[in-house]
Amino acid sequence: MDETVLVAGGAGYVGAALCSELLDSGRRVRVLDALLHGQHDVADGLERAGVEVIRGDIRDAGARGRALEGADVVVHLAAIVGDPACSLDPELAHEVNVEGSRALIDAARSAGSRLFVFASTCSNYGRMVDVSIPVDERADLAPVSLYAEQKVTIEKQLFNGSSGVLPAVGLRFATVYGVAPRMRFDLTVNEFTRDLWADRHLEVFGEQFWRPYVHVRDAGRAVRLVLDAPSENVRGQVFNVGRSDQNFRKLDLVALARERLPSGTFAFVERTEDPRDYKVSFDKIRDALGYDVTMTVPDGIDEVATALEAGAFPDPFGGRYRNIP
């Protein structure tokens, strides 16, 4: 396919998996990544696979210019990801997630990119009043975390007309899990699986709260599906990314993980710092684009446990596997 795709944040957790999808589709792939988490090995692996990697920051005008030269499509994944990381350094989070995103949007418009795909989050829905009715893309956004607030800010810029003529698509990803080149163990499914596998006592808070989940490779597949679709079918649209039967409470995740790892111990504890509680409908992406997942949460638990048992991560509690020190 005669198309060059720039993946900002392409050496990250979702980004590296996405790059594999794009290479398989025959596209030329370029990555712009600051390698904030030291994932130089991931960047090297991408280069060996045929990806052009620019080691740079989206806040750097020179790096943006080099990355956007000849790019037909921009997929924007680069961010300070997750509320813990944003809360640790709110100023940096604003610089990257808001100002950096705005600069990349402006540069992509000036460069003539045909499509800008923005990675957002289902956390934008915040805390639902009635979790018996899954929310869809038409629901009010009520973010309760700094990270989600910043995502909502950029969504509004892209879809209220203030970004000029730049055609854009927003993808609100469910919480991601699974094995990936830039592995993370600070994500719920991966963390629960690791702790039970390691016989660590797992403490779980907010066990009644609902979240949707999607495998990291299925997240990448959703981006590819958007790029494969006729532009008129996706531009100006926002899609939740996941599958409706993959909404779970944390207590459900513990039960599923213990089916695979029955020896681990756990306790439900009282904490109030994360009030998010939302059940999400993914009918739109299914009906409009024919999207479905290939992995379920039990599949992901087994995948992570199998990788741990095989020694794929010699120190799964090491700092390289999370987004905060």
Protein backbone atom coordinates (compact mmCIF):
# COMPACT_ATOMS: atom_id res chain seq x y z
CA MET A 1 0.00 0.00 0.00
CA ASP A 2 1.42 3.34 -1.06
CA GLU A 3 0.87 5.13 2.23
CA THR A 4 3.17 6.40 4.97
CA VAL A 5 1.83 6.34 8.51
CA LEU A 6 3.44 8.29 11.31
CA VAL A 7 2.86 6.72 14.71
CA ALA A 8 3.65 9.24 17.44
CA GLY A 9 4.47 7.13 20.48
CA GLY A 10 5.08 4.10 18.30
CA ALA A 11 7.58 2.49 20.67
CA GLY A 12 5.03 2.41 23.48
CA TYR A 13 2.75 -0.34 24.74
CA VAL A 14 0.04 0.01 22.10
CA GLY A 15 2.31 1.68 19.56
CA ALA A 16 4.72 -1.20 18.99
CA ALA A 17 1.83 -3.63 18.52
CA LEU A 18 0.20 -1.21 16.08
CA CYS A 19 3.40 -0.90 14.05
CA SER A 20 3.37 -4.65 13.46
CA GLU A 21 -0.21 -4.41 12.18
CA LEU A 22 0.67 -1.56 9.84
CA LEU A 23 3.73 -3.33 8.47
CA ASP A 24 1.62 -6.42 7.81
CA SER A 25 -0.79 -4.23 5.84
CA GLY A 26 2.03 -3.16 3.51
CA ARG A 27 2.21 0.42 4.70
CA ARG A 28 5.39 2.39 5.28
CA VAL A 29 5.66 3.07 8.99
CA ARG A 30 7.50 5.88 10.72
CA VAL A 31 7.69 6.34 14.49
CA LEU A 32 8.32 9.47 16.55
CA ASP A 33 9.03 8.55 20.16
CA ALA A 34 10.96 10.16 23.01
CA LEU A 35 11.58 6.72 24.58
CA LEU A 36 10.54 8.17 27.92
CA HIS A 37 10.54 4.75 29.56
CA GLY A 38 13.91 3.66 28.23
CA GLN A 39 12.48 1.31 25.62
CA HIS A 40 15.51 1.54 23.34
CA ASP A 41 15.32 -2.20 22.71
CA VAL A 42 11.79 -1.77 21.39
CA ALA A 43 12.91 1.02 19.05
CA ASP A 44 15.80 -1.12 17.83
CA GLY A 45 13.42 -4.00 17.18
CA LEU A 46 11.10 -1.77 15.19
CA GLU A 47 14.00 -0.63 13.03
CA ARG A 48 15.01 -4.23 12.36
CA ALA A 49 11.43 -4.90 11.26
CA GLY A 50 11.58 -2.05 8.74
CA VAL A 51 10.13 0.88 10.70
CA GLU A 52 11.79 4.28 10.41
CA VAL A 53 12.30 5.47 13.99
CA ILE A 54 12.85 9.12 14.85
CA ARG A 55 13.96 9.42 18.45
CA GLY A 56 12.39 12.72 19.43
CA ASP A 57 9.67 14.49 21.35
CA ILE A 58 6.36 15.74 19.93
CA ARG A 59 7.07 19.04 21.70
CA ASP A 60 10.15 19.56 19.52
CA ALA A 61 9.28 21.42 16.32
CA GLY A 62 12.27 20.02 14.45
CA ALA A 63 11.40 16.44 15.37
CA ARG A 64 7.77 17.00 14.40
CA GLY A 65 8.77 18.41 11.05
CA ARG A 66 11.05 15.48 10.21
CA ALA A 67 8.44 12.98 11.31
CA LEU A 68 5.60 14.55 9.32
CA GLU A 69 7.48 14.93 6.06
CA GLY A 70 5.55 12.86 3.53
CA ALA A 71 3.26 11.33 6.17
CA ASP A 72 -0.18 10.59 4.76
CA VAL A 73 -1.68 9.59 8.11
CA VAL A 74 -0.84 10.48 11.70
CA VAL A 75 -1.72 8.16 14.57
CA HIS A 76 -1.23 10.06 17.81
CA LEU A 77 -0.46 7.75 20.76
CA ALA A 78 2.29 9.82 22.38
CA ALA A 79 1.31 10.86 25.89
CA ILE A 80 2.02 10.79 29.57
CA VAL A 81 -0.33 7.85 30.02
CA GLY A 82 -2.56 7.19 32.99
CA ASP A 83 -3.64 9.24 35.97
CA PRO A 84 -0.82 8.13 38.33
CA ALA A 85 1.80 9.35 35.85
CA CYS A 86 -0.11 12.58 35.16
CA SER A 87 -0.62 13.27 38.87
CA LEU A 88 3.08 12.71 39.54
CA ASP A 89 4.02 15.60 37.23
CA PRO A 90 0.94 17.59 36.16
CA GLU A 91 3.04 20.25 34.44
CA LEU A 92 4.79 17.69 32.22
CA ALA A 93 1.47 15.99 31.54
CA HIS A 94 -0.03 19.29 30.35
CA GLU A 95 3.00 20.06 28.19
CA VAL A 96 2.84 16.68 26.45
CA ASN A 97 -0.82 15.71 26.48
CA VAL A 98 -2.29 19.13 25.73
CA GLU A 99 0.31 21.50 24.31
CA GLY A 100 2.26 18.76 22.52
CA SER A 101 -0.93 17.33 21.05
CA ARG A 102 -2.05 20.74 19.85
CA ALA A 103 1.31 21.34 18.21
CA LEU A 104 1.17 17.97 16.46
CA ILE A 105 -2.37 18.63 15.24
CA ASP A 106 -1.37 22.02 13.82
CA ALA A 107 1.74 20.56 12.19
CA ALA A 108 -0.21 17.66 10.66
CA ARG A 109 -2.75 20.07 9.19
CA SER A 110 0.02 22.23 7.72
CA ALA A 111 1.76 19.14 6.34
CA GLY A 112 -1.41 18.08 4.51
CA SER A 113 -2.00 14.76 6.27
CA ARG A 114 -5.18 13.11 5.01
CA LEU A 115 -6.22 11.72 8.41
CA PHE A 116 -5.34 12.26 12.08
CA VAL A 117 -6.20 9.38 14.43
CA PHE A 118 -6.29 10.38 18.09
CA ALA A 119 -5.89 7.78 20.81
CA SER A 120 -8.33 8.65 23.57
CA THR A 121 -9.81 6.65 26.45
CA CYS A 122 -13.09 5.27 27.77
CA SER A 123 -12.05 6.91 31.06
CA ASN A 124 -13.62 10.02 29.53
CA TYR A 125 -16.98 8.67 30.72
CA GLY A 126 -15.92 9.01 34.36
CA ARG A 127 -18.42 7.65 36.84
CA MET A 128 -21.83 6.52 35.63
CA VAL A 129 -24.99 7.07 37.63
CA ASP A 130 -26.57 3.85 36.32
CA VAL A 131 -24.10 1.14 35.28
CA SER A 132 -26.93 -1.12 34.12
CA ILE A 133 -27.06 0.85 30.87
CA PRO A 134 -23.76 0.84 28.94
CA VAL A 135 -22.73 4.23 27.62
CA ASP A 136 -22.04 4.79 23.94
CA GLU A 137 -20.21 7.51 22.05
CA ARG A 138 -23.15 9.93 22.41
CA ALA A 139 -22.92 9.95 26.22
CA ASP A 140 -21.83 13.02 28.14
CA LEU A 141 -18.16 13.07 29.00
CA ALA A 142 -17.50 13.43 32.72
CA PRO A 143 -13.79 12.78 33.33
CA VAL A 144 -12.71 12.34 36.94
CA SER A 145 -8.96 12.04 36.29
CA LEU A 146 -6.41 14.51 34.97
CA TYR A 147 -5.44 12.15 32.16
CA ALA A 148 -9.04 11.86 30.93
CA GLU A 149 -9.59 15.62 31.28
CA GLN A 150 -6.65 16.18 28.95
CA LYS A 151 -7.96 13.65 26.44
CA VAL A 152 -11.37 15.34 26.46
CA THR A 153 -9.68 18.71 25.85
CA ILE A 154 -8.02 17.44 22.67
CA GLU A 155 -11.15 15.62 21.50
CA LYS A 156 -13.06 18.90 21.73
CA GLN A 157 -10.40 20.66 19.67
CA LEU A 158 -10.51 17.99 16.98
CA PHE A 159 -14.26 17.62 16.71
CA ASN A 160 -15.70 21.07 17.35
CA GLY A 161 -14.17 22.61 14.23
CA SER A 162 -11.28 24.46 15.87
CA SER A 163 -8.70 22.28 14.10
CA GLY A 164 -9.62 23.63 10.70
CA VAL A 165 -9.92 21.17 7.85
CA LEU A 166 -7.87 18.37 9.42
CA PRO A 167 -9.92 15.15 9.05
CA ALA A 168 -9.77 13.27 12.34
CA VAL A 169 -10.96 10.10 14.06
CA GLY A 170 -11.07 9.59 17.83
CA LEU A 171 -10.60 6.13 19.34
CA ARG A 172 -11.64 5.74 22.97
CA PHE A 173 -9.76 2.63 24.00
CA ALA A 174 -10.95 0.32 26.75
CA THR A 175 -8.33 -0.50 29.41
CA VAL A 176 -5.60 -2.40 27.60
CA TYR A 177 -3.94 -5.66 28.65
CA GLY A 178 -1.77 -8.45 27.25
CA VAL A 179 1.82 -9.17 26.28
CA ALA A 180 3.54 -6.57 24.08
CA PRO A 181 7.10 -5.57 23.11
CA ARG A 182 6.97 -2.63 25.56
CA MET A 183 5.39 -4.59 28.39
CA ARG A 184 3.44 -2.92 31.18
CA PHE A 185 2.54 -4.48 34.53
CA ASP A 186 0.81 -1.37 35.88
CA LEU A 187 -2.39 -2.23 33.99
CA THR A 188 -5.09 -4.06 35.89
CA VAL A 189 -5.27 -7.43 34.12
CA ASN A 190 -1.48 -7.67 33.76
CA GLU A 191 -0.88 -6.56 37.35
CA PHE A 192 -3.38 -8.97 38.89
CA THR A 193 -1.97 -11.85 36.86
CA ARG A 194 1.63 -11.02 37.78
CA ASP A 195 0.93 -10.67 41.49
CA LEU A 196 -1.03 -13.92 41.76
CA TRP A 197 1.60 -15.74 39.69
CA ALA A 198 4.36 -14.42 41.99
CA ASP A 199 2.40 -15.40 45.13
CA ARG A 200 2.25 -11.75 46.13
CA HIS A 201 -0.71 -10.84 48.29
CA LEU A 202 -2.96 -8.88 45.94
CA GLU A 203 -4.87 -5.92 47.39
CA VAL A 204 -7.82 -4.82 45.27
CA PHE A 205 -9.75 -1.58 45.73
CA GLY A 206 -12.97 -0.55 44.04
CA GLU A 207 -13.81 -4.18 43.37
CA GLN A 208 -17.41 -3.35 42.41
CA PHE A 209 -16.44 -0.74 39.80
CA TRP A 210 -16.90 -1.58 36.13
CA ARG A 211 -14.36 -1.11 33.34
CA PRO A 212 -14.13 -2.39 29.75
CA TYR A 213 -10.97 -4.20 28.61
CA VAL A 214 -9.29 -4.81 25.25
CA HIS A 215 -6.17 -6.74 24.28
CA VAL A 216 -3.22 -4.64 23.13
CA ARG A 217 -3.10 -6.31 19.71
CA ASP A 218 -6.83 -5.79 19.24
CA ALA A 219 -6.28 -2.12 20.04
CA GLY A 220 -3.75 -1.99 17.21
CA ARG A 221 -6.13 -3.85 14.90
CA ALA A 222 -8.79 -1.20 15.49
CA VAL A 223 -6.44 1.52 14.23
CA ARG A 224 -5.61 -0.52 11.13
CA LEU A 225 -9.32 -1.08 10.48
CA VAL A 226 -9.95 2.67 10.63
CA LEU A 227 -7.14 3.30 8.15
CA ASP A 228 -8.45 0.57 5.83
CA ALA A 229 -11.96 2.08 5.82
CA PRO A 230 -13.05 4.69 3.25
CA SER A 231 -12.21 8.08 4.73
CA GLU A 232 -15.78 9.32 4.36
CA ASN A 233 -16.94 6.50 6.67
CA VAL A 234 -14.69 7.43 9.58
CA ARG A 235 -13.60 11.07 9.48
CA GLY A 236 -15.21 13.20 12.14
CA GLN A 237 -16.22 10.08 14.05
CA VAL A 238 -15.42 8.82 17.54
CA PHE A 239 -15.40 5.08 18.25
CA ASN A 240 -15.18 3.18 21.50
CA VAL A 241 -12.67 0.34 21.01
CA GLY A 242 -13.46 -2.98 22.63
CA ARG A 243 -16.34 -5.47 22.78
CA SER A 244 -19.45 -5.11 24.88
CA ASP A 245 -19.10 -8.46 26.68
CA GLN A 246 -15.61 -7.46 27.88
CA ASN A 247 -16.87 -5.14 30.64
CA PHE A 248 -15.80 -6.51 34.02
CA ARG A 249 -15.65 -5.51 37.66
CA LYS A 250 -12.31 -5.92 39.40
CA LEU A 251 -13.78 -8.73 41.49
CA ASP A 252 -14.58 -10.53 38.22
CA LEU A 253 -10.97 -10.12 37.09
CA VAL A 254 -9.70 -11.62 40.34
CA ALA A 255 -12.01 -14.61 39.93
CA LEU A 256 -10.87 -15.13 36.33
CA ALA A 257 -7.20 -14.81 37.27
CA ARG A 258 -7.58 -17.29 40.13
CA GLU A 259 -9.01 -19.86 37.74
CA ARG A 260 -5.59 -19.80 36.05
CA LEU A 261 -3.55 -19.11 39.22
CA PRO A 262 -5.45 -20.62 42.18
CA SER A 263 -2.62 -20.40 44.72
CA GLY A 264 -2.49 -16.60 44.96
CA THR A 265 -4.06 -14.69 47.83
CA PHE A 266 -6.00 -11.44 47.70
CA ALA A 267 -8.07 -9.03 49.75
CA PHE A 268 -10.52 -6.27 48.90
CA VAL A 269 -9.53 -3.00 50.56
CA GLU A 270 -11.12 0.42 50.93
CA ARG A 271 -9.59 3.26 48.92
CA THR A 272 -11.10 6.36 47.35
CA GLU A 273 -8.52 7.75 44.93
CA ASP A 274 -10.00 6.22 41.75
CA PRO A 275 -13.78 6.67 41.52
CA ARG A 276 -14.13 5.69 37.85
CA ASP A 277 -17.06 3.35 37.26
CA TYR A 278 -18.39 2.84 33.74
CA LYS A 279 -19.77 0.12 31.51
CA VAL A 280 -19.34 0.81 27.81
CA SER A 281 -21.11 -0.19 24.59
CA PHE A 282 -18.95 -1.02 21.59
CA ASP A 283 -21.78 -1.56 19.12
CA LYS A 284 -20.83 1.40 16.93
CA ILE A 285 -17.39 0.13 15.88
CA ARG A 286 -18.82 -3.35 15.39
CA ASP A 287 -21.69 -2.17 13.21
CA ALA A 288 -19.84 0.54 11.28
CA LEU A 289 -16.51 -1.18 10.69
CA GLY A 290 -17.13 -4.87 11.38
CA TYR A 291 -14.72 -4.79 14.32
CA ASP A 292 -14.45 -7.68 16.75
CA VAL A 293 -11.79 -8.73 19.21
CA THR A 294 -9.61 -11.81 18.83
CA MET A 295 -8.65 -12.06 22.51
CA THR A 296 -10.76 -12.01 25.68
CA VAL A 297 -9.68 -11.23 29.23
CA PRO A 298 -9.27 -14.94 30.14
CA ASP A 299 -7.11 -15.33 27.01
CA GLY A 300 -4.99 -12.39 28.14
CA ILE A 301 -4.58 -13.74 31.67
CA ASP A 302 -3.38 -17.05 30.25
CA GLU A 303 -1.05 -15.28 27.82
CA VAL A 304 0.57 -13.16 30.55
CA ALA A 305 0.84 -16.09 32.96
CA THR A 306 2.41 -18.27 30.28
CA ALA A 307 4.96 -15.58 29.44
CA LEU A 308 5.84 -15.17 33.12
CA GLU A 309 6.23 -18.91 33.54
CA ALA A 310 8.53 -19.00 30.51
CA GLY A 311 10.79 -16.33 32.03
CA ALA A 312 9.96 -13.72 29.38
CA PHE A 313 10.22 -11.00 32.04
CA PRO A 314 13.11 -11.78 34.42
CA ASP A 315 12.11 -8.96 36.78
CA PRO A 316 8.39 -8.31 36.23
CA PHE A 317 8.34 -5.94 39.21
CA GLY A 318 11.06 -3.74 37.68
CA GLY A 319 10.48 -0.07 36.94
CA ARG A 320 10.75 -0.49 33.18
CA TYR A 321 7.37 -2.20 33.20
CA ARG A 322 5.37 0.71 34.59
CA ASN A 323 4.75 4.32 33.72
CA ILE A 324 5.84 5.81 37.04
CA PRO A 325 9.13 5.12 38.90
